[in-house]
Amino acid sequence: MPPTPHRPGAGLRKAVVALLGALLPLLAALTLAAPPAAARTAAVPTATLTEVTGFGTNPSNLRMYLYVPGNVSAHPPVVVAVHWCGGSASAMYSGTEWASLADQHGFVVVYPSVTRASKCFDVSSPQALRRDGGSDPVGIRSMVDWTTRTYAADTSRVFVTGNSSGAMMTNVLLGDYPDVFAAGAAFSGVPFGCFATTDGSEWNSACSGGTVIRTPQAWGDLVRGAYPGYTGPRPRMQLWHGTEDDTLRYPNFGEAIKQWTNVLGVSQTPAATDTPVSGWTRTRYGGTGDRAPVEAISLQGVGHNLYSWGMASRALTFFGLDGGGTSPQPPAGTCRVTVAVSAWSTGLTTSVTVTNTGKAAVDGWKLGFTLPSGQTLTNGWNATFTPRTGEVTATNVSYNATIAPGADVTIGYQATHTGNTSAPTAFSLNGTACTLG
């Protein structure tokens, strides 16, 4: 006769139950910032996650993983997907839909992975908060350079996204390398520089608690200080935050909006506000389309683990990689704006000259600026102006839609005023901040 299977006794069963009871809280804590289970139901990707070694300078010993879909595009875009504290590249790969979106749209996904014990990215040290200063940002930059070289990727379409620690790294990378990334999407993060420490600690309690409050200019100066002297275009930013976030408190959301609107030279007053999903409030700054300079989504009653299925698709639309979207704003080269105002007792005229200082032609343009308080447009020329007050967008007309490299276009408007005859102080061309000269 076959032997009788051994059955655990009651004592052993009790011991196993007790052990599981002790482990479950620990497991919950370790996955605090991981996407919820609903986010981990992605379709099986058609390719596989592959580790890349020897990719370049890597001072903090990060590991690099790559997902290249079978239908990868010629000169593909690149998305860097950065994991949360306690996470990994494989967890980010299996727990979000970036790989399945790559299958649909043909882009390459880079998954950095931390090897230090905390499994958190360095967003705190002085080295991390300056360009080529060392630590994790340098390693991630090397990953991007390796990928763009190896796959002849489109260097004008490199993007970064992440949640929690990955969202904080998204902010850091846009500050350190504005010439590398076109846009970022940060889910439950904090502003660039908010988590800064000088004692070697990875954690900043004041920042996580939402008590670090600065002016827009001060926040913007932190970003500009990461790459002193840089005058080129800045990447666009999409921000997500839950109002009940008890890990990185909700005030960080407003501070990040202040920072990136200042960096991109657009008003803190939303150009558009809507509710794309019940409980969500979306505000757009410096533009009204899907690729506005800054887009911010607040989730009412939602905590730190806000990432859920479908959110990556919305980030993809913001990046401009889904082939659709409303009111697309094509990327511009660098630009310079000169302004001249002629005023009288109750009115004024303003002449605005926009020069394309980039190397590629601008084919179709929108010039965004904020009309000074008390001024109301009455008419304009060489562009269509809307609305008449506040955040104004001037859109090209048929005969001046293209601005060749080194060429310029002059537009103008007439306005009434109540005593304030100043010119707008910031302009953005297709979402890219222009210099004033």
Protein backbone atom coordinates (compact mmCIF):
# COMPACT_ATOMS: atom_id res chain seq x y z
CA MET A 1 0.00 0.00 0.00
CA PRO A 2 1.20 3.50 -0.64
CA PRO A 3 2.40 5.43 2.36
CA THR A 4 -0.12 7.61 4.15
CA PRO A 5 0.56 11.34 3.46
CA HIS A 6 1.85 13.20 6.48
CA ARG A 7 -0.62 15.78 7.84
CA PRO A 8 0.64 18.64 10.03
CA GLY A 9 -0.55 18.52 13.59
CA ALA A 10 -2.57 21.28 15.26
CA GLY A 11 0.53 22.74 16.91
CA LEU A 12 2.33 23.20 13.62
CA ARG A 13 -0.73 24.74 12.03
CA LYS A 14 -0.95 27.29 14.84
CA ALA A 15 2.72 28.14 14.41
CA VAL A 16 2.27 28.78 10.68
CA VAL A 17 -0.75 31.02 11.30
CA ALA A 18 1.21 33.00 13.90
CA LEU A 19 4.15 33.42 11.52
CA LEU A 20 1.90 34.70 8.75
CA GLY A 21 0.28 37.11 11.17
CA ALA A 22 3.68 38.57 11.95
CA LEU A 23 4.78 38.77 8.33
CA LEU A 24 1.72 40.39 6.80
CA PRO A 25 2.21 43.86 8.37
CA LEU A 26 5.84 43.81 7.25
CA LEU A 27 4.86 42.92 3.70
CA ALA A 28 2.26 45.69 3.69
CA ALA A 29 4.86 48.23 4.78
CA LEU A 30 7.33 47.12 2.14
CA THR A 31 4.74 47.67 -0.60
CA LEU A 32 3.52 51.01 0.76
CA ALA A 33 4.27 52.89 -2.42
CA ALA A 34 3.60 50.10 -4.89
CA PRO A 35 0.73 50.37 -7.36
CA PRO A 36 -2.45 48.71 -6.07
CA ALA A 37 -3.35 45.23 -7.26
CA ALA A 38 -5.74 46.60 -9.87
CA ALA A 39 -2.77 48.16 -11.64
CA ARG A 40 -1.03 44.81 -12.00
CA THR A 41 -3.41 43.26 -14.50
CA ALA A 42 -1.57 44.37 -17.62
CA ALA A 43 -1.74 42.35 -20.80
CA VAL A 44 1.30 40.12 -21.17
CA PRO A 45 3.95 42.06 -23.14
CA THR A 46 5.17 40.56 -26.39
CA ALA A 47 8.88 40.90 -25.53
CA THR A 48 10.83 40.38 -22.31
CA LEU A 49 12.56 42.52 -19.72
CA THR A 50 16.33 42.36 -20.28
CA GLU A 51 19.19 43.53 -18.07
CA VAL A 52 21.89 45.70 -19.65
CA THR A 53 25.36 45.89 -18.10
CA GLY A 54 28.30 48.16 -18.89
CA PHE A 55 26.02 50.97 -20.02
CA GLY A 56 28.31 53.79 -18.87
CA THR A 57 29.14 55.94 -15.86
CA ASN A 58 27.20 54.61 -12.88
CA PRO A 59 28.51 56.02 -9.58
CA SER A 60 25.76 54.52 -7.37
CA ASN A 61 25.74 51.03 -8.90
CA LEU A 62 22.22 51.13 -10.31
CA ARG A 63 21.06 48.25 -12.46
CA MET A 64 19.55 48.87 -15.89
CA TYR A 65 16.70 46.90 -17.41
CA LEU A 66 15.26 47.46 -20.86
CA TYR A 67 12.01 46.59 -22.60
CA VAL A 68 12.11 46.74 -26.41
CA PRO A 69 8.82 45.72 -28.08
CA GLY A 70 8.86 43.45 -31.08
CA ASN A 71 7.40 46.24 -33.20
CA VAL A 72 9.84 48.92 -32.03
CA SER A 73 9.66 52.06 -34.17
CA ALA A 74 12.46 53.40 -36.29
CA HIS A 75 14.13 56.10 -34.17
CA PRO A 76 11.83 55.26 -31.26
CA PRO A 77 10.90 57.49 -28.34
CA VAL A 78 12.26 56.44 -24.93
CA VAL A 79 10.35 56.35 -21.62
CA VAL A 80 12.28 55.98 -18.35
CA ALA A 81 10.02 54.32 -15.74
CA VAL A 82 11.33 54.78 -12.18
CA HIS A 83 10.19 52.55 -9.32
CA TRP A 84 9.05 53.41 -5.78
CA CYS A 85 10.87 52.93 -2.47
CA GLY A 86 11.19 49.22 -1.82
CA GLY A 87 10.46 48.49 -5.46
CA SER A 88 12.58 47.29 -8.34
CA ALA A 89 12.76 47.37 -12.11
CA SER A 90 10.90 44.06 -12.35
CA ALA A 91 8.17 45.34 -10.01
CA MET A 92 7.77 48.49 -12.09
CA TYR A 93 7.68 46.36 -15.24
CA SER A 94 5.03 43.96 -13.98
CA GLY A 95 3.09 46.45 -11.85
CA THR A 96 2.44 49.14 -14.45
CA GLU A 97 1.27 49.11 -18.06
CA TRP A 98 4.30 50.82 -19.61
CA ALA A 99 5.48 47.65 -21.35
CA SER A 100 2.06 46.94 -22.86
CA LEU A 101 1.83 50.57 -23.99
CA ALA A 102 5.25 50.17 -25.61
CA ASP A 103 3.85 47.19 -27.51
CA GLN A 104 1.04 49.40 -28.80
CA HIS A 105 3.11 52.44 -29.71
CA GLY A 106 6.61 51.16 -30.46
CA PHE A 107 8.70 53.05 -27.90
CA VAL A 108 11.48 51.70 -25.68
CA VAL A 109 11.17 51.57 -21.87
CA VAL A 110 14.18 51.91 -19.53
CA TYR A 111 13.70 50.60 -15.98
CA PRO A 112 16.41 51.74 -13.53
CA SER A 113 16.73 49.65 -10.37
CA VAL A 114 18.28 50.62 -7.03
CA THR A 115 20.78 48.30 -5.33
CA ARG A 116 21.17 50.14 -1.99
CA ALA A 117 19.40 48.55 0.98
CA SER A 118 16.50 51.02 1.13
CA LYS A 119 15.62 50.47 -2.54
CA CYS A 120 14.93 54.24 -2.64
CA PHE A 121 16.41 56.57 -5.25
CA ASP A 122 18.76 59.32 -4.09
CA VAL A 123 16.82 62.58 -4.41
CA SER A 124 18.41 64.16 -1.32
CA SER A 125 22.18 64.44 -1.58
CA PRO A 126 24.01 67.49 -2.95
CA GLN A 127 25.48 65.20 -5.61
CA ALA A 128 22.04 64.17 -6.86
CA LEU A 129 20.74 67.74 -7.03
CA ARG A 130 23.21 69.10 -9.54
CA ARG A 131 23.97 68.16 -13.12
CA ASP A 132 26.66 65.48 -13.38
CA GLY A 133 27.21 65.74 -9.64
CA GLY A 134 27.14 62.00 -9.12
CA SER A 135 24.79 59.42 -7.62
CA ASP A 136 21.63 58.07 -9.28
CA PRO A 137 20.86 60.81 -11.83
CA VAL A 138 24.22 60.28 -13.52
CA GLY A 139 23.59 56.54 -13.86
CA ILE A 140 20.11 57.11 -15.29
CA ARG A 141 21.52 59.63 -17.77
CA SER A 142 24.02 56.96 -18.86
CA MET A 143 21.15 54.52 -19.39
CA VAL A 144 19.38 57.02 -21.62
CA ASP A 145 22.54 57.73 -23.61
CA TRP A 146 23.18 53.99 -24.11
CA THR A 147 19.62 53.44 -25.28
CA THR A 148 19.52 56.35 -27.70
CA ARG A 149 22.85 55.25 -29.22
CA THR A 150 21.97 51.57 -29.46
CA TYR A 151 18.50 52.02 -30.94
CA ALA A 152 19.08 55.30 -32.82
CA ALA A 153 16.30 56.71 -30.66
CA ASP A 154 14.74 60.12 -31.12
CA THR A 155 16.60 62.28 -28.60
CA SER A 156 13.87 64.92 -28.76
CA ARG A 157 11.35 62.40 -27.40
CA VAL A 158 12.85 61.11 -24.17
CA PHE A 159 10.49 61.09 -21.18
CA VAL A 160 10.55 60.07 -17.52
CA THR A 161 7.85 58.95 -15.12
CA GLY A 162 7.66 57.38 -11.69
CA ASN A 163 5.64 57.10 -8.50
CA SER A 164 6.66 57.99 -4.93
CA SER A 165 10.48 57.80 -4.90
CA GLY A 166 10.29 57.50 -8.68
CA ALA A 167 8.17 60.64 -8.85
CA MET A 168 10.74 62.52 -6.79
CA MET A 169 13.44 61.27 -9.16
CA THR A 170 11.33 62.46 -12.09
CA ASN A 171 11.50 65.98 -10.63
CA VAL A 172 15.25 65.65 -10.07
CA LEU A 173 15.99 64.41 -13.59
CA LEU A 174 14.01 67.26 -15.20
CA GLY A 175 16.02 69.72 -13.12
CA ASP A 176 19.45 68.15 -13.67
CA TYR A 177 19.00 67.28 -17.35
CA PRO A 178 16.53 69.68 -19.03
CA ASP A 179 18.34 69.09 -22.32
CA VAL A 180 17.77 65.32 -22.14
CA PHE A 181 14.09 65.01 -21.23
CA ALA A 182 11.13 66.46 -23.13
CA ALA A 183 8.60 65.95 -20.33
CA GLY A 184 7.94 64.09 -17.09
CA ALA A 185 4.96 62.64 -15.22
CA ALA A 186 5.31 62.45 -11.43
CA PHE A 187 2.82 60.40 -9.38
CA SER A 188 2.85 61.32 -5.65
CA GLY A 189 6.13 63.21 -5.52
CA VAL A 190 7.64 66.41 -4.17
CA PRO A 191 9.29 69.43 -5.84
CA PHE A 192 12.90 69.37 -6.99
CA GLY A 193 15.17 70.07 -4.01
CA CYS A 194 12.45 69.66 -1.39
CA PHE A 195 13.98 66.43 -0.06
CA ALA A 196 17.52 67.88 0.13
CA THR A 197 19.69 66.80 3.06
CA THR A 198 23.36 67.31 3.89
CA ASP A 199 23.85 64.67 6.59
CA GLY A 200 23.67 61.59 4.39
CA SER A 201 20.07 60.87 5.32
CA GLU A 202 17.71 59.74 2.56
CA TRP A 203 14.64 61.12 4.34
CA ASN A 204 13.50 64.72 4.88
CA SER A 205 10.63 64.80 7.37
CA ALA A 206 9.83 68.49 6.84
CA CYS A 207 9.35 67.91 3.12
CA SER A 208 7.43 64.66 3.47
CA GLY A 209 5.17 66.37 6.02
CA GLY A 210 4.34 69.16 3.56
CA THR A 211 5.83 71.95 5.71
CA VAL A 212 8.47 73.16 3.21
CA ILE A 213 6.83 76.23 1.67
CA ARG A 214 8.66 78.55 -0.75
CA THR A 215 7.81 81.24 -3.26
CA PRO A 216 7.54 80.22 -6.93
CA GLN A 217 10.75 82.13 -7.63
CA ALA A 218 12.64 80.32 -4.87
CA TRP A 219 11.43 76.92 -6.06
CA GLY A 220 12.32 77.83 -9.63
CA ASP A 221 15.78 78.99 -8.58
CA LEU A 222 16.46 75.54 -7.09
CA VAL A 223 15.82 73.96 -10.49
CA ARG A 224 17.81 76.57 -12.39
CA GLY A 225 20.68 76.17 -9.93
CA ALA A 226 21.04 72.49 -10.85
CA TYR A 227 22.38 73.49 -14.28
CA PRO A 228 23.72 77.05 -14.00
CA GLY A 229 23.81 79.01 -17.22
CA TYR A 230 21.38 76.78 -19.10
CA THR A 231 19.09 78.86 -21.34
CA GLY A 232 17.54 76.21 -23.57
CA PRO A 233 14.00 74.82 -23.52
CA ARG A 234 12.69 73.22 -20.35
CA PRO A 235 10.73 69.95 -20.17
CA ARG A 236 6.99 69.97 -19.51
CA MET A 237 5.66 68.48 -16.30
CA GLN A 238 2.57 66.48 -15.35
CA LEU A 239 1.87 66.21 -11.60
CA TRP A 240 -0.46 63.76 -9.78
CA HIS A 241 -1.33 63.77 -6.07
CA GLY A 242 -3.99 62.42 -3.73
CA THR A 243 -5.51 64.80 -1.18
CA GLU A 244 -5.19 62.19 1.60
CA ASP A 245 -1.56 61.27 0.95
CA ASP A 246 -0.09 60.54 4.39
CA THR A 247 3.42 59.69 3.15
CA LEU A 248 4.26 62.73 1.02
CA ARG A 249 1.63 65.19 2.17
CA TYR A 250 -0.69 67.01 -0.22
CA PRO A 251 0.85 70.52 0.20
CA ASN A 252 3.77 69.21 -1.88
CA PHE A 253 1.40 69.16 -4.86
CA GLY A 254 0.80 72.92 -4.70
CA GLU A 255 4.49 73.61 -4.14
CA ALA A 256 5.39 71.54 -7.21
CA ILE A 257 2.88 73.51 -9.29
CA LYS A 258 4.50 76.73 -8.08
CA GLN A 259 7.93 75.39 -9.01
CA TRP A 260 7.27 74.16 -12.51
CA THR A 261 5.05 77.05 -13.61
CA ASN A 262 7.89 79.36 -12.55
CA VAL A 263 10.53 77.28 -14.33
CA LEU A 264 8.46 77.20 -17.53
CA GLY A 265 7.60 80.89 -17.33
CA VAL A 266 3.82 80.51 -17.19
CA SER A 267 1.19 81.86 -14.83
CA GLN A 268 0.10 80.04 -11.68
CA THR A 269 -3.48 80.79 -12.70
CA PRO A 270 -4.85 77.78 -14.60
CA ALA A 271 -5.55 78.28 -18.29
CA ALA A 272 -8.08 75.43 -18.06
CA THR A 273 -9.76 73.39 -15.32
CA ASP A 274 -11.86 70.26 -15.74
CA THR A 275 -12.89 66.94 -14.17
CA PRO A 276 -11.78 64.09 -16.48
CA VAL A 277 -12.86 61.46 -13.89
CA SER A 278 -15.21 61.81 -10.93
CA GLY A 279 -13.17 63.01 -7.96
CA TRP A 280 -10.30 64.28 -10.14
CA THR A 281 -9.56 67.97 -10.69
CA ARG A 282 -7.24 68.69 -13.59
CA THR A 283 -5.64 72.10 -14.04
CA ARG A 284 -3.51 73.17 -16.98
CA TYR A 285 -1.05 76.05 -16.96
CA GLY A 286 0.34 78.01 -19.89
CA GLY A 287 -1.92 76.19 -22.36
CA THR A 288 -5.24 74.41 -22.64
CA GLY A 289 -4.36 71.35 -24.71
CA ASP A 290 -3.17 67.87 -23.78
CA ARG A 291 0.43 69.06 -23.95
CA ALA A 292 0.25 72.20 -21.85
CA PRO A 293 3.54 73.23 -20.17
CA VAL A 294 2.24 72.09 -16.76
CA GLU A 295 -0.67 69.76 -16.06
CA ALA A 296 -1.75 68.87 -12.52
CA ILE A 297 -4.29 66.25 -11.44
CA SER A 298 -5.62 66.24 -7.86
CA LEU A 299 -7.45 63.10 -6.66
CA GLN A 300 -9.99 63.79 -3.94
CA GLY A 301 -9.90 61.41 -0.97
CA VAL A 302 -7.06 59.31 -2.41
CA GLY A 303 -3.92 58.39 -0.48
CA HIS A 304 -0.28 57.86 -1.43
CA ASN A 305 -0.82 54.72 -3.52
CA LEU A 306 -2.80 56.53 -6.18
CA TYR A 307 -1.35 54.83 -9.25
CA SER A 308 -3.97 52.70 -10.97
CA TRP A 309 -4.63 51.14 -14.34
CA GLY A 310 -5.08 53.70 -17.11
CA MET A 311 -3.04 56.50 -15.56
CA ALA A 312 0.01 55.66 -17.68
CA SER A 313 -2.16 56.13 -20.77
CA ARG A 314 -2.96 59.65 -19.60
CA ALA A 315 0.73 60.34 -19.08
CA LEU A 316 1.35 58.96 -22.57
CA THR A 317 -1.14 61.47 -23.96
CA PHE A 318 0.65 64.26 -22.10
CA PHE A 319 3.94 63.06 -23.59
CA GLY A 320 2.35 63.08 -27.06
CA LEU A 321 3.18 59.42 -27.73
CA ASP A 322 -0.32 58.05 -28.29
CA GLY A 323 -0.83 59.61 -31.70
CA GLY A 324 -3.94 61.42 -30.52
CA GLY A 325 -4.95 64.01 -27.98
CA THR A 326 -6.74 67.31 -28.31
CA SER A 327 -5.17 70.65 -29.16
CA PRO A 328 -1.66 69.29 -29.67
CA GLN A 329 1.09 71.84 -29.26
CA PRO A 330 4.05 70.94 -31.51
CA PRO A 331 7.48 71.26 -29.94
CA ALA A 332 9.35 74.46 -30.64
CA GLY A 333 13.01 75.29 -30.82
CA THR A 334 14.41 77.85 -28.45
CA CYS A 335 12.90 81.32 -28.79
CA ARG A 336 13.52 84.94 -27.89
CA VAL A 337 10.85 87.62 -27.42
CA THR A 338 11.20 91.40 -27.52
CA VAL A 339 8.34 93.65 -26.44
CA ALA A 340 7.58 97.34 -26.96
CA VAL A 341 4.64 99.19 -25.34
CA SER A 342 3.17 102.54 -26.34
CA ALA A 343 0.60 103.81 -23.80
CA TRP A 344 -1.78 106.71 -23.30
CA SER A 345 -4.32 107.63 -20.63
CA THR A 346 -6.68 104.67 -20.95
CA GLY A 347 -5.14 102.48 -23.64
CA LEU A 348 -1.97 101.01 -25.05
CA THR A 349 -0.53 99.06 -27.96
CA THR A 350 2.02 96.30 -27.54
CA SER A 351 4.31 94.95 -30.24
CA VAL A 352 5.76 91.46 -29.70
CA THR A 353 8.55 90.03 -31.86
CA VAL A 354 9.26 86.31 -31.59
CA THR A 355 12.59 85.00 -32.91
CA ASN A 356 13.22 81.31 -33.53
CA THR A 357 16.69 80.78 -32.06
CA GLY A 358 16.59 77.01 -32.59
CA LYS A 359 17.96 74.92 -35.43
CA ALA A 360 14.63 73.65 -36.78
CA ALA A 361 11.71 75.52 -38.28
CA VAL A 362 8.60 76.06 -36.14
CA ASP A 363 5.64 74.94 -38.22
CA GLY A 364 2.51 76.20 -36.50
CA TRP A 365 2.78 78.12 -33.25
CA LYS A 366 0.97 79.31 -30.14
CA LEU A 367 2.46 82.09 -28.03
CA GLY A 368 1.30 82.09 -24.42
CA PHE A 369 1.56 85.01 -22.01
CA THR A 370 -0.29 86.61 -19.11
CA LEU A 371 -1.86 90.01 -19.72
CA PRO A 372 -0.98 92.34 -16.82
CA SER A 373 -3.71 93.08 -14.29
CA GLY A 374 -6.23 95.69 -15.43
CA GLN A 375 -5.53 95.26 -19.13
CA THR A 376 -8.19 94.04 -21.59
CA LEU A 377 -7.52 93.29 -25.26
CA THR A 378 -9.66 95.17 -27.76
CA ASN A 379 -8.04 93.98 -31.00
CA GLY A 380 -4.89 92.40 -32.38
CA TRP A 381 -2.99 91.81 -35.59
CA ASN A 382 -0.91 89.05 -37.21
CA ALA A 383 -2.37 86.49 -34.76
CA THR A 384 -5.63 85.34 -33.20
CA PHE A 385 -5.81 86.26 -29.51
CA THR A 386 -7.95 84.45 -26.92
CA PRO A 387 -9.19 85.17 -24.30
CA ARG A 388 -9.17 88.95 -23.82
CA THR A 389 -7.82 88.99 -20.25
CA GLY A 390 -5.62 86.84 -18.02
CA GLU A 391 -3.88 83.88 -19.68
CA VAL A 392 -3.77 84.78 -23.38
CA THR A 393 -2.82 82.53 -26.29
CA ALA A 394 -1.84 84.12 -29.60
CA THR A 395 -2.20 81.63 -32.47
CA ASN A 396 -0.58 82.03 -35.87
CA VAL A 397 -2.57 83.04 -38.92
CA SER A 398 -2.15 81.33 -42.29
CA TYR A 399 0.57 83.61 -43.66
CA ASN A 400 2.99 83.44 -40.71
CA ALA A 401 2.58 79.86 -39.46
CA THR A 402 6.21 78.92 -40.17
CA ILE A 403 9.16 80.56 -38.44
CA ALA A 404 12.46 79.48 -39.99
CA PRO A 405 15.60 79.15 -37.84
CA GLY A 406 16.90 82.65 -37.14
CA ALA A 407 13.73 84.25 -38.49
CA ASP A 408 11.13 86.18 -36.54
CA VAL A 409 7.49 87.16 -36.61
CA THR A 410 5.94 90.31 -35.15
CA ILE A 411 2.44 90.42 -33.72
CA GLY A 412 0.64 93.08 -31.74
CA TYR A 413 -2.43 94.02 -29.81
CA GLN A 414 -4.33 97.01 -28.49
CA ALA A 415 -5.72 97.03 -24.98
CA THR A 416 -7.42 99.24 -22.44
CA HIS A 417 -5.88 99.62 -18.99
CA THR A 418 -6.72 100.94 -15.53
CA GLY A 419 -3.29 102.38 -14.81
CA ASN A 420 -1.02 99.38 -15.31
CA THR A 421 0.76 99.86 -18.66
CA SER A 422 3.47 97.22 -18.22
CA ALA A 423 4.28 94.52 -20.75
CA PRO A 424 3.85 90.77 -20.09
CA THR A 425 6.90 89.42 -18.28
CA ALA A 426 7.00 85.82 -19.59
CA PHE A 427 6.22 84.12 -22.90
CA SER A 428 6.11 80.50 -24.03
CA LEU A 429 6.18 79.29 -27.63
CA ASN A 430 4.35 75.96 -28.04
CA GLY A 431 4.88 75.34 -24.35
CA THR A 432 8.59 76.24 -24.33
CA ALA A 433 9.60 79.26 -22.26
CA CYS A 434 11.22 82.04 -24.31
CA THR A 435 14.00 84.34 -23.18
CA LEU A 436 13.32 88.08 -23.11
CA GLY A 437 15.74 90.25 -25.05
